[in-house]
N, C-alpha and C. Protein backbone atom coordinates (compact mmCIF):
# COMPACT_ATOMS: atom_id res chain seq x y z
N MET A 1 101.13 -78.07 -64.31
CA MET A 1 100.36 -77.85 -63.12
C MET A 1 99.58 -79.09 -62.71
N ALA A 2 98.97 -79.74 -63.65
CA ALA A 2 98.21 -80.95 -63.34
C ALA A 2 99.14 -82.00 -62.77
N TRP A 3 100.37 -82.00 -63.31
CA TRP A 3 101.34 -82.97 -62.81
C TRP A 3 101.67 -82.70 -61.34
N ALA A 4 101.82 -81.46 -60.93
CA ALA A 4 102.14 -81.09 -59.54
C ALA A 4 100.97 -81.42 -58.62
N ALA A 5 99.76 -81.17 -59.07
CA ALA A 5 98.58 -81.48 -58.24
C ALA A 5 98.44 -82.97 -58.05
N SER A 6 98.69 -83.73 -59.12
CA SER A 6 98.61 -85.19 -59.03
C SER A 6 99.66 -85.72 -58.06
N ARG A 7 100.84 -85.15 -58.14
CA ARG A 7 101.92 -85.58 -57.24
C ARG A 7 101.59 -85.24 -55.79
N THR A 8 101.01 -84.07 -55.56
CA THR A 8 100.62 -83.67 -54.21
C THR A 8 99.56 -84.62 -53.66
N ARG A 9 98.57 -84.97 -54.49
CA ARG A 9 97.55 -85.90 -54.04
C ARG A 9 98.15 -87.26 -53.69
N THR A 10 99.08 -87.72 -54.50
CA THR A 10 99.74 -89.00 -54.23
C THR A 10 100.51 -88.93 -52.92
N ALA A 11 101.20 -87.85 -52.68
CA ALA A 11 101.95 -87.68 -51.43
C ALA A 11 101.01 -87.64 -50.23
N LEU A 12 99.89 -86.95 -50.41
CA LEU A 12 98.91 -86.89 -49.31
C LEU A 12 98.34 -88.27 -49.01
N ARG A 13 98.06 -89.05 -50.06
CA ARG A 13 97.54 -90.40 -49.85
C ARG A 13 98.55 -91.28 -49.12
N ARG A 14 99.79 -91.17 -49.51
CA ARG A 14 100.83 -91.96 -48.83
C ARG A 14 100.94 -91.55 -47.37
N ARG A 15 100.90 -90.26 -47.11
CA ARG A 15 100.99 -89.77 -45.73
C ARG A 15 99.78 -90.24 -44.92
N ALA A 16 98.61 -90.19 -45.51
CA ALA A 16 97.40 -90.64 -44.82
C ALA A 16 97.47 -92.13 -44.54
N ALA A 17 98.01 -92.88 -45.46
CA ALA A 17 98.13 -94.33 -45.27
C ALA A 17 99.07 -94.64 -44.11
N LYS A 18 100.10 -93.81 -43.93
CA LYS A 18 101.06 -94.05 -42.85
C LYS A 18 100.47 -93.67 -41.49
N THR A 19 99.55 -92.71 -41.47
CA THR A 19 99.02 -92.25 -40.20
C THR A 19 97.78 -93.01 -39.76
N GLU A 20 97.24 -93.87 -40.58
CA GLU A 20 96.07 -94.64 -40.18
C GLU A 20 96.45 -95.61 -39.06
N PRO A 21 95.57 -95.76 -38.10
CA PRO A 21 95.88 -96.69 -37.01
C PRO A 21 95.89 -98.13 -37.53
N PRO A 22 96.69 -98.96 -36.88
CA PRO A 22 96.72 -100.37 -37.30
C PRO A 22 95.37 -101.02 -37.04
N PRO A 23 95.05 -102.04 -37.78
CA PRO A 23 93.76 -102.70 -37.58
C PRO A 23 93.65 -103.25 -36.16
N ARG A 24 92.44 -103.14 -35.58
CA ARG A 24 92.21 -103.59 -34.21
C ARG A 24 92.05 -105.10 -34.17
N LYS A 25 92.51 -105.64 -33.06
CA LYS A 25 92.31 -107.07 -32.84
C LYS A 25 90.83 -107.29 -32.53
N PRO A 26 90.28 -108.36 -33.00
CA PRO A 26 88.87 -108.60 -32.69
C PRO A 26 88.69 -108.84 -31.19
N GLU A 27 87.65 -108.18 -30.62
CA GLU A 27 87.38 -108.36 -29.20
C GLU A 27 86.76 -109.72 -28.95
N ARG A 28 87.04 -110.22 -27.76
CA ARG A 28 86.45 -111.50 -27.38
C ARG A 28 84.94 -111.33 -27.30
N GLU A 29 84.24 -112.16 -28.01
CA GLU A 29 82.79 -112.04 -28.07
C GLU A 29 82.17 -112.64 -26.81
N ARG A 30 81.26 -111.87 -26.21
CA ARG A 30 80.53 -112.38 -25.06
C ARG A 30 79.22 -112.95 -25.56
N ARG A 31 78.98 -114.14 -25.14
CA ARG A 31 77.72 -114.76 -25.50
C ARG A 31 76.90 -114.91 -24.24
N PRO A 32 75.61 -114.64 -24.34
CA PRO A 32 74.77 -114.81 -23.15
C PRO A 32 74.66 -116.28 -22.78
N LEU A 33 74.45 -116.52 -21.52
CA LEU A 33 74.22 -117.89 -21.07
C LEU A 33 72.95 -118.41 -21.71
N PRO A 34 72.87 -119.69 -21.93
CA PRO A 34 71.59 -120.24 -22.41
C PRO A 34 70.50 -119.92 -21.39
N TRP A 35 69.27 -119.73 -21.86
CA TRP A 35 68.22 -119.26 -20.97
C TRP A 35 67.99 -120.15 -19.76
N PRO A 36 68.14 -121.50 -19.84
CA PRO A 36 67.94 -122.27 -18.59
C PRO A 36 68.99 -121.95 -17.53
N LEU A 37 70.24 -121.77 -17.96
CA LEU A 37 71.30 -121.41 -16.99
C LEU A 37 71.09 -120.00 -16.45
N ARG A 38 70.67 -119.10 -17.31
CA ARG A 38 70.42 -117.72 -16.87
C ARG A 38 69.28 -117.71 -15.84
N LEU A 39 68.23 -118.45 -16.13
CA LEU A 39 67.10 -118.55 -15.20
C LEU A 39 67.54 -119.15 -13.87
N LEU A 40 68.34 -120.20 -13.92
CA LEU A 40 68.85 -120.82 -12.70
C LEU A 40 69.70 -119.85 -11.90
N ALA A 41 70.58 -119.11 -12.58
CA ALA A 41 71.42 -118.12 -11.89
C ALA A 41 70.58 -117.04 -11.23
N MET A 42 69.55 -116.58 -11.94
CA MET A 42 68.70 -115.53 -11.37
C MET A 42 67.87 -116.06 -10.19
N LEU A 43 67.40 -117.30 -10.30
CA LEU A 43 66.64 -117.89 -9.18
C LEU A 43 67.53 -118.09 -7.95
N CYS A 44 68.76 -118.55 -8.17
CA CYS A 44 69.70 -118.71 -7.04
C CYS A 44 70.01 -117.36 -6.41
N ALA A 45 70.26 -116.34 -7.24
CA ALA A 45 70.54 -115.01 -6.71
C ALA A 45 69.33 -114.47 -5.96
N PHE A 46 68.13 -114.73 -6.47
CA PHE A 46 66.92 -114.28 -5.80
C PHE A 46 66.76 -114.97 -4.44
N ALA A 47 67.03 -116.27 -4.40
CA ALA A 47 66.92 -117.01 -3.13
C ALA A 47 67.93 -116.48 -2.11
N VAL A 48 69.14 -116.21 -2.56
CA VAL A 48 70.15 -115.66 -1.65
C VAL A 48 69.74 -114.26 -1.20
N MET A 49 69.13 -113.49 -2.11
CA MET A 49 68.67 -112.14 -1.75
C MET A 49 67.57 -112.19 -0.69
N VAL A 50 66.66 -113.14 -0.82
CA VAL A 50 65.60 -113.31 0.19
C VAL A 50 66.21 -113.70 1.53
N ALA A 51 67.16 -114.64 1.50
CA ALA A 51 67.83 -115.05 2.74
C ALA A 51 68.56 -113.85 3.36
N PHE A 52 69.18 -113.05 2.51
CA PHE A 52 69.87 -111.85 2.99
C PHE A 52 68.87 -110.88 3.63
N ALA A 53 67.71 -110.72 3.02
CA ALA A 53 66.69 -109.82 3.57
C ALA A 53 66.24 -110.30 4.95
N VAL A 54 66.12 -111.60 5.13
CA VAL A 54 65.73 -112.15 6.43
C VAL A 54 66.82 -111.86 7.46
N VAL A 55 68.07 -112.08 7.09
CA VAL A 55 69.18 -111.81 8.01
C VAL A 55 69.24 -110.32 8.32
N LEU A 56 69.06 -109.48 7.31
CA LEU A 56 69.07 -108.03 7.51
C LEU A 56 67.97 -107.62 8.49
N ALA A 57 66.78 -108.17 8.31
CA ALA A 57 65.67 -107.85 9.21
C ALA A 57 65.96 -108.32 10.63
N ARG A 58 66.52 -109.50 10.76
CA ARG A 58 66.82 -110.02 12.11
C ARG A 58 67.89 -109.18 12.79
N LEU A 59 68.89 -108.75 12.03
CA LEU A 59 69.98 -107.97 12.63
C LEU A 59 69.58 -106.54 12.96
N THR A 60 68.72 -105.97 12.15
CA THR A 60 68.47 -104.54 12.30
C THR A 60 67.10 -104.19 12.85
N LEU A 61 66.13 -105.07 12.71
CA LEU A 61 64.77 -104.70 13.11
C LEU A 61 64.26 -105.43 14.34
N GLU A 62 65.14 -106.13 15.04
CA GLU A 62 64.75 -106.78 16.28
C GLU A 62 64.88 -105.78 17.43
N PRO A 63 63.86 -105.68 18.27
CA PRO A 63 63.94 -104.75 19.40
C PRO A 63 65.08 -105.11 20.35
N SER A 64 65.62 -104.08 20.96
CA SER A 64 66.69 -104.27 21.94
C SER A 64 66.40 -103.38 23.15
N PRO A 65 65.42 -103.78 23.98
CA PRO A 65 65.02 -102.93 25.12
C PRO A 65 66.18 -102.64 26.08
N ALA A 66 67.12 -103.55 26.21
CA ALA A 66 68.24 -103.34 27.13
C ALA A 66 69.11 -102.17 26.71
N SER A 67 69.18 -101.87 25.42
CA SER A 67 70.04 -100.77 24.98
C SER A 67 69.26 -99.49 24.69
N GLU A 68 68.02 -99.43 25.16
CA GLU A 68 67.20 -98.24 24.90
C GLU A 68 67.85 -96.97 25.46
N ALA A 69 68.44 -97.06 26.63
CA ALA A 69 69.07 -95.87 27.23
C ALA A 69 70.36 -95.48 26.52
N LEU A 70 70.97 -96.42 25.81
CA LEU A 70 72.26 -96.15 25.16
C LEU A 70 72.11 -95.63 23.73
N THR A 71 70.95 -95.77 23.13
CA THR A 71 70.79 -95.40 21.73
C THR A 71 70.58 -93.90 21.57
N HIS A 72 71.07 -93.41 20.44
CA HIS A 72 70.86 -92.01 20.09
C HIS A 72 70.88 -91.88 18.58
N THR A 73 70.05 -91.00 18.07
CA THR A 73 69.98 -90.76 16.64
C THR A 73 71.20 -89.99 16.20
N ASN A 74 71.77 -90.38 15.06
CA ASN A 74 72.94 -89.69 14.51
C ASN A 74 72.61 -89.20 13.12
N MET A 75 72.53 -87.88 12.96
CA MET A 75 72.28 -87.27 11.65
C MET A 75 73.53 -86.61 11.09
N HIS A 76 74.65 -86.71 11.79
CA HIS A 76 75.90 -86.07 11.37
C HIS A 76 76.88 -87.13 10.85
N PRO A 77 77.14 -87.13 9.54
CA PRO A 77 78.07 -88.13 8.99
C PRO A 77 79.42 -88.09 9.68
N GLY A 78 79.90 -89.26 10.08
CA GLY A 78 81.21 -89.39 10.70
C GLY A 78 81.19 -89.43 12.22
N ARG A 79 80.12 -88.98 12.83
CA ARG A 79 80.07 -88.92 14.29
C ARG A 79 80.16 -90.32 14.91
N SER A 80 79.37 -91.25 14.42
CA SER A 80 79.41 -92.62 14.96
C SER A 80 80.74 -93.29 14.65
N LEU A 81 81.27 -93.02 13.46
CA LEU A 81 82.57 -93.61 13.10
C LEU A 81 83.65 -93.17 14.07
N ARG A 82 83.66 -91.87 14.38
CA ARG A 82 84.64 -91.37 15.36
C ARG A 82 84.43 -92.01 16.72
N ALA A 83 83.18 -92.18 17.11
CA ALA A 83 82.88 -92.80 18.40
C ALA A 83 83.35 -94.26 18.41
N TYR A 84 83.16 -94.97 17.31
CA TYR A 84 83.63 -96.37 17.23
C TYR A 84 85.15 -96.41 17.35
N LEU A 85 85.81 -95.51 16.63
CA LEU A 85 87.28 -95.53 16.60
C LEU A 85 87.89 -95.03 17.91
N ASP A 86 87.15 -94.25 18.69
CA ASP A 86 87.65 -93.75 19.97
C ASP A 86 87.49 -94.77 21.10
N GLN A 87 86.79 -95.88 20.83
CA GLN A 87 86.62 -96.90 21.85
C GLN A 87 87.96 -97.54 22.16
N PRO A 88 88.19 -97.90 23.42
CA PRO A 88 89.48 -98.49 23.77
C PRO A 88 89.70 -99.86 23.11
N ALA A 89 88.63 -100.60 22.91
CA ALA A 89 88.77 -101.94 22.31
C ALA A 89 88.61 -101.83 20.80
N LEU A 90 89.70 -102.08 20.08
CA LEU A 90 89.68 -102.02 18.62
C LEU A 90 88.70 -103.04 18.06
N ARG A 91 88.54 -104.13 18.78
CA ARG A 91 87.65 -105.20 18.33
C ARG A 91 86.21 -104.69 18.15
N ASP A 92 85.75 -103.84 19.06
CA ASP A 92 84.40 -103.29 18.95
C ASP A 92 84.26 -102.40 17.72
N ALA A 93 85.28 -101.59 17.44
CA ALA A 93 85.24 -100.72 16.26
C ALA A 93 85.22 -101.54 14.98
N VAL A 94 86.06 -102.58 14.92
CA VAL A 94 86.11 -103.44 13.74
C VAL A 94 84.77 -104.15 13.57
N LYS A 95 84.18 -104.58 14.67
CA LYS A 95 82.89 -105.27 14.62
C LYS A 95 81.80 -104.34 14.08
N GLN A 96 81.74 -103.12 14.56
CA GLN A 96 80.72 -102.18 14.12
C GLN A 96 80.92 -101.74 12.67
N ILE A 97 82.12 -101.28 12.37
CA ILE A 97 82.40 -100.77 11.02
C ILE A 97 82.40 -101.91 10.00
N GLY A 98 83.12 -102.98 10.32
CA GLY A 98 83.18 -104.12 9.41
C GLY A 98 81.82 -104.77 9.20
N GLY A 99 81.05 -104.87 10.26
CA GLY A 99 79.72 -105.46 10.15
C GLY A 99 78.81 -104.65 9.23
N ASN A 100 78.87 -103.33 9.36
CA ASN A 100 78.04 -102.49 8.50
C ASN A 100 78.52 -102.52 7.05
N LEU A 101 79.83 -102.60 6.85
CA LEU A 101 80.34 -102.74 5.48
C LEU A 101 79.89 -104.07 4.87
N LEU A 102 80.05 -105.15 5.63
CA LEU A 102 79.67 -106.47 5.13
C LEU A 102 78.17 -106.59 4.86
N LEU A 103 77.38 -105.85 5.61
CA LEU A 103 75.93 -105.89 5.42
C LEU A 103 75.51 -105.36 4.05
N GLY A 104 76.32 -104.49 3.46
CA GLY A 104 75.99 -103.95 2.14
C GLY A 104 76.52 -104.75 0.98
N VAL A 105 77.53 -105.58 1.21
CA VAL A 105 78.17 -106.33 0.11
C VAL A 105 77.17 -107.17 -0.69
N PRO A 106 76.26 -107.93 -0.06
CA PRO A 106 75.33 -108.72 -0.87
C PRO A 106 74.49 -107.90 -1.84
N PHE A 107 74.15 -106.67 -1.47
CA PHE A 107 73.41 -105.82 -2.41
C PHE A 107 74.23 -105.58 -3.67
N GLY A 108 75.49 -105.24 -3.51
CA GLY A 108 76.33 -104.96 -4.67
C GLY A 108 76.55 -106.17 -5.55
N VAL A 109 76.52 -107.36 -4.96
CA VAL A 109 76.73 -108.58 -5.74
C VAL A 109 75.43 -109.07 -6.37
N LEU A 110 74.35 -109.08 -5.61
CA LEU A 110 73.12 -109.75 -6.06
C LEU A 110 72.17 -108.87 -6.86
N VAL A 111 72.07 -107.60 -6.55
CA VAL A 111 71.09 -106.75 -7.22
C VAL A 111 71.30 -106.72 -8.74
N PRO A 112 72.52 -106.56 -9.26
CA PRO A 112 72.67 -106.54 -10.71
C PRO A 112 72.35 -107.88 -11.39
N ILE A 113 72.37 -108.96 -10.64
CA ILE A 113 72.02 -110.26 -11.21
C ILE A 113 70.51 -110.43 -11.22
N VAL A 114 69.88 -110.10 -10.10
CA VAL A 114 68.43 -110.26 -9.98
C VAL A 114 67.70 -109.26 -10.89
N ALA A 115 68.18 -108.04 -10.95
CA ALA A 115 67.55 -106.99 -11.75
C ALA A 115 68.60 -106.36 -12.67
N PRO A 116 68.77 -106.89 -13.88
CA PRO A 116 69.85 -106.42 -14.76
C PRO A 116 69.76 -104.94 -15.11
N ARG A 117 68.60 -104.35 -15.01
CA ARG A 117 68.48 -102.91 -15.32
C ARG A 117 69.12 -102.04 -14.25
N THR A 118 69.46 -102.64 -13.12
CA THR A 118 70.11 -101.88 -12.05
C THR A 118 71.62 -101.96 -12.16
N ARG A 119 72.12 -102.50 -13.27
CA ARG A 119 73.56 -102.58 -13.45
C ARG A 119 74.15 -101.17 -13.57
N GLY A 120 75.29 -100.99 -12.98
CA GLY A 120 75.96 -99.69 -12.99
C GLY A 120 76.18 -99.21 -11.57
N ILE A 121 77.30 -98.57 -11.37
CA ILE A 121 77.67 -98.15 -10.01
C ILE A 121 76.61 -97.23 -9.41
N LEU A 122 76.19 -96.22 -10.15
CA LEU A 122 75.23 -95.26 -9.59
C LEU A 122 73.90 -95.91 -9.25
N LYS A 123 73.41 -96.78 -10.12
CA LYS A 123 72.12 -97.42 -9.86
C LYS A 123 72.19 -98.32 -8.62
N VAL A 124 73.27 -99.08 -8.51
CA VAL A 124 73.43 -99.96 -7.34
C VAL A 124 73.55 -99.13 -6.08
N LEU A 125 74.33 -98.05 -6.13
CA LEU A 125 74.50 -97.21 -4.94
C LEU A 125 73.20 -96.53 -4.55
N LEU A 126 72.45 -96.01 -5.52
CA LEU A 126 71.18 -95.36 -5.20
C LEU A 126 70.17 -96.34 -4.62
N LEU A 127 70.08 -97.52 -5.21
CA LEU A 127 69.14 -98.52 -4.69
C LEU A 127 69.53 -98.96 -3.28
N THR A 128 70.81 -99.21 -3.06
CA THR A 128 71.27 -99.61 -1.74
C THR A 128 71.04 -98.51 -0.71
N ALA A 129 71.39 -97.29 -1.07
CA ALA A 129 71.19 -96.17 -0.13
C ALA A 129 69.71 -96.02 0.21
N THR A 130 68.84 -96.18 -0.78
CA THR A 130 67.40 -96.06 -0.53
C THR A 130 66.91 -97.15 0.42
N VAL A 131 67.30 -98.40 0.15
CA VAL A 131 66.87 -99.51 1.01
C VAL A 131 67.41 -99.33 2.43
N MET A 132 68.67 -98.97 2.55
CA MET A 132 69.27 -98.81 3.87
C MET A 132 68.69 -97.61 4.62
N LEU A 133 68.34 -96.55 3.91
CA LEU A 133 67.67 -95.42 4.55
C LEU A 133 66.31 -95.86 5.10
N LEU A 134 65.59 -96.65 4.33
CA LEU A 134 64.30 -97.15 4.82
C LEU A 134 64.47 -98.02 6.06
N VAL A 135 65.49 -98.87 6.05
CA VAL A 135 65.75 -99.72 7.22
C VAL A 135 66.10 -98.85 8.43
N GLU A 136 66.94 -97.86 8.24
CA GLU A 136 67.34 -96.99 9.35
C GLU A 136 66.15 -96.15 9.86
N PHE A 137 65.31 -95.67 8.94
CA PHE A 137 64.12 -94.93 9.38
C PHE A 137 63.21 -95.84 10.20
N ALA A 138 63.03 -97.08 9.74
CA ALA A 138 62.20 -98.03 10.49
C ALA A 138 62.80 -98.28 11.86
N GLN A 139 64.11 -98.45 11.93
CA GLN A 139 64.77 -98.65 13.22
C GLN A 139 64.50 -97.48 14.15
N GLY A 140 64.72 -96.28 13.65
CA GLY A 140 64.58 -95.10 14.49
C GLY A 140 63.15 -94.81 14.91
N ALA A 141 62.19 -95.11 14.05
CA ALA A 141 60.81 -94.75 14.34
C ALA A 141 60.01 -95.85 15.02
N LEU A 142 60.35 -97.10 14.75
CA LEU A 142 59.46 -98.18 15.18
C LEU A 142 60.06 -99.18 16.17
N ILE A 143 61.36 -99.28 16.25
CA ILE A 143 61.98 -100.37 17.00
C ILE A 143 62.55 -99.85 18.32
N THR A 144 62.17 -100.49 19.40
CA THR A 144 62.66 -100.14 20.73
C THR A 144 64.14 -100.50 20.85
N GLY A 145 64.94 -99.56 21.33
CA GLY A 145 66.36 -99.81 21.54
C GLY A 145 67.20 -99.66 20.28
N ARG A 146 66.62 -99.15 19.23
CA ARG A 146 67.34 -98.91 17.97
C ARG A 146 67.18 -97.45 17.59
N ALA A 147 68.13 -96.93 16.81
CA ALA A 147 68.07 -95.53 16.42
C ALA A 147 68.57 -95.36 14.98
N PHE A 148 68.17 -94.26 14.36
CA PHE A 148 68.65 -93.92 13.03
C PHE A 148 70.10 -93.48 13.11
N ASP A 149 70.95 -93.99 12.21
CA ASP A 149 72.35 -93.60 12.17
C ASP A 149 72.78 -93.46 10.71
N VAL A 150 73.07 -92.24 10.30
CA VAL A 150 73.45 -91.97 8.91
C VAL A 150 74.77 -92.67 8.56
N ASP A 151 75.63 -92.89 9.53
CA ASP A 151 76.90 -93.58 9.27
C ASP A 151 76.66 -95.03 8.87
N ASP A 152 75.62 -95.64 9.40
CA ASP A 152 75.29 -97.01 8.99
C ASP A 152 74.89 -97.05 7.52
N VAL A 153 74.13 -96.05 7.09
CA VAL A 153 73.73 -95.98 5.67
C VAL A 153 74.97 -95.81 4.80
N ILE A 154 75.88 -94.95 5.21
CA ILE A 154 77.11 -94.71 4.44
C ILE A 154 77.94 -95.98 4.37
N LEU A 155 78.11 -96.66 5.50
CA LEU A 155 78.91 -97.88 5.51
C LEU A 155 78.25 -99.00 4.69
N ASN A 156 76.93 -99.16 4.81
CA ASN A 156 76.23 -100.18 4.03
C ASN A 156 76.36 -99.91 2.54
N THR A 157 76.21 -98.66 2.15
CA THR A 157 76.32 -98.29 0.74
C THR A 157 77.75 -98.48 0.24
N SER A 158 78.73 -98.19 1.08
CA SER A 158 80.14 -98.44 0.70
C SER A 158 80.38 -99.93 0.53
N GLY A 159 79.79 -100.74 1.38
CA GLY A 159 79.90 -102.19 1.24
C GLY A 159 79.31 -102.68 -0.07
N ALA A 160 78.17 -102.08 -0.47
CA ALA A 160 77.56 -102.45 -1.75
C ALA A 160 78.48 -102.08 -2.90
N LEU A 161 79.14 -100.93 -2.81
CA LEU A 161 80.09 -100.53 -3.85
C LEU A 161 81.23 -101.54 -3.94
N ILE A 162 81.75 -101.96 -2.81
CA ILE A 162 82.82 -102.96 -2.80
C ILE A 162 82.34 -104.26 -3.42
N GLY A 163 81.16 -104.72 -3.03
CA GLY A 163 80.61 -105.96 -3.59
C GLY A 163 80.39 -105.87 -5.08
N TYR A 164 79.91 -104.71 -5.54
CA TYR A 164 79.66 -104.53 -6.97
C TYR A 164 80.97 -104.55 -7.74
N LEU A 165 81.97 -103.83 -7.24
CA LEU A 165 83.25 -103.76 -7.96
C LEU A 165 84.00 -105.08 -7.95
N LEU A 166 83.92 -105.82 -6.84
CA LEU A 166 84.64 -107.09 -6.76
C LEU A 166 83.96 -108.22 -7.52
N LEU A 167 82.65 -108.34 -7.40
CA LEU A 167 81.95 -109.49 -8.00
C LEU A 167 80.72 -109.15 -8.81
N GLY A 168 79.91 -108.23 -8.34
CA GLY A 168 78.61 -107.97 -8.93
C GLY A 168 78.65 -107.63 -10.40
N ARG A 169 79.57 -106.76 -10.78
CA ARG A 169 79.67 -106.34 -12.17
C ARG A 169 80.02 -107.52 -13.07
N ARG A 170 81.00 -108.31 -12.66
CA ARG A 170 81.42 -109.46 -13.47
C ARG A 170 80.34 -110.53 -13.56
N LEU A 171 79.73 -110.85 -12.42
CA LEU A 171 78.69 -111.88 -12.43
C LEU A 171 77.49 -111.44 -13.27
N SER A 172 77.12 -110.18 -13.15
CA SER A 172 76.00 -109.68 -13.92
C SER A 172 76.30 -109.72 -15.42
N ARG A 173 77.51 -109.36 -15.79
CA ARG A 173 77.89 -109.44 -17.21
C ARG A 173 77.91 -110.87 -17.71
N ALA A 174 78.30 -111.79 -16.84
CA ALA A 174 78.33 -113.20 -17.25
C ALA A 174 76.92 -113.75 -17.43
N VAL A 175 76.02 -113.38 -16.53
CA VAL A 175 74.65 -113.89 -16.60
C VAL A 175 73.85 -113.18 -17.68
N HIS A 176 74.03 -111.88 -17.80
CA HIS A 176 73.21 -111.08 -18.71
C HIS A 176 74.02 -110.46 -19.85
N ALA A 177 74.96 -111.19 -20.40
CA ALA A 177 75.77 -110.66 -21.50
C ALA A 177 74.86 -110.34 -22.69
N ARG A 178 75.18 -109.26 -23.34
CA ARG A 178 74.41 -108.86 -24.51
C ARG A 178 75.01 -109.50 -25.75
N GLU A 179 74.15 -109.91 -26.66
CA GLU A 179 74.66 -110.48 -27.91
C GLU A 179 75.21 -109.35 -28.75
N ARG A 180 76.36 -109.60 -29.36
CA ARG A 180 76.95 -108.61 -30.24
C ARG A 180 76.37 -108.76 -31.64
N LYS A 181 75.99 -107.64 -32.22
CA LYS A 181 75.48 -107.67 -33.58
C LYS A 181 76.63 -107.40 -34.53
N VAL A 182 76.76 -108.26 -35.50
CA VAL A 182 77.87 -108.15 -36.45
C VAL A 182 77.38 -107.57 -37.75
């Protein structure tokens, strides 16, 4: 009996050895940038973010008295998009939709570099949506010839998602790589 049990254990060990996964290849180690380069990258990203904020303010918060009669508040997602796409000139639709998408891209690229704790799709999207909602509320409440448009918030936030997925995530990982503990 002891002989049979010993043989069974040996067979089980051999079977277990065959089913073990092969050893993993070592992952490429990410090393953080030296602190002077990291500081320089963050300062450059901050400067670009400030420049972006100035451009955003000029584009969205400047009064437009001539278009006061044409503006209307849009609280229904998709309504403005349909209106843009129904225009006879495709160029106007591309300008409106593309412009609002492009306006969000810098958020997706720069925010995770300037503030590493905001890394992650949800955090970038929530921060962008919050900032763009504030801009749209300011437009609708305070600026002559401007109105709140929920589609602008959606397009800006989508632009931030595109910027984050294309560049922001990679740049943030390069600047703020975590040291691996061995």
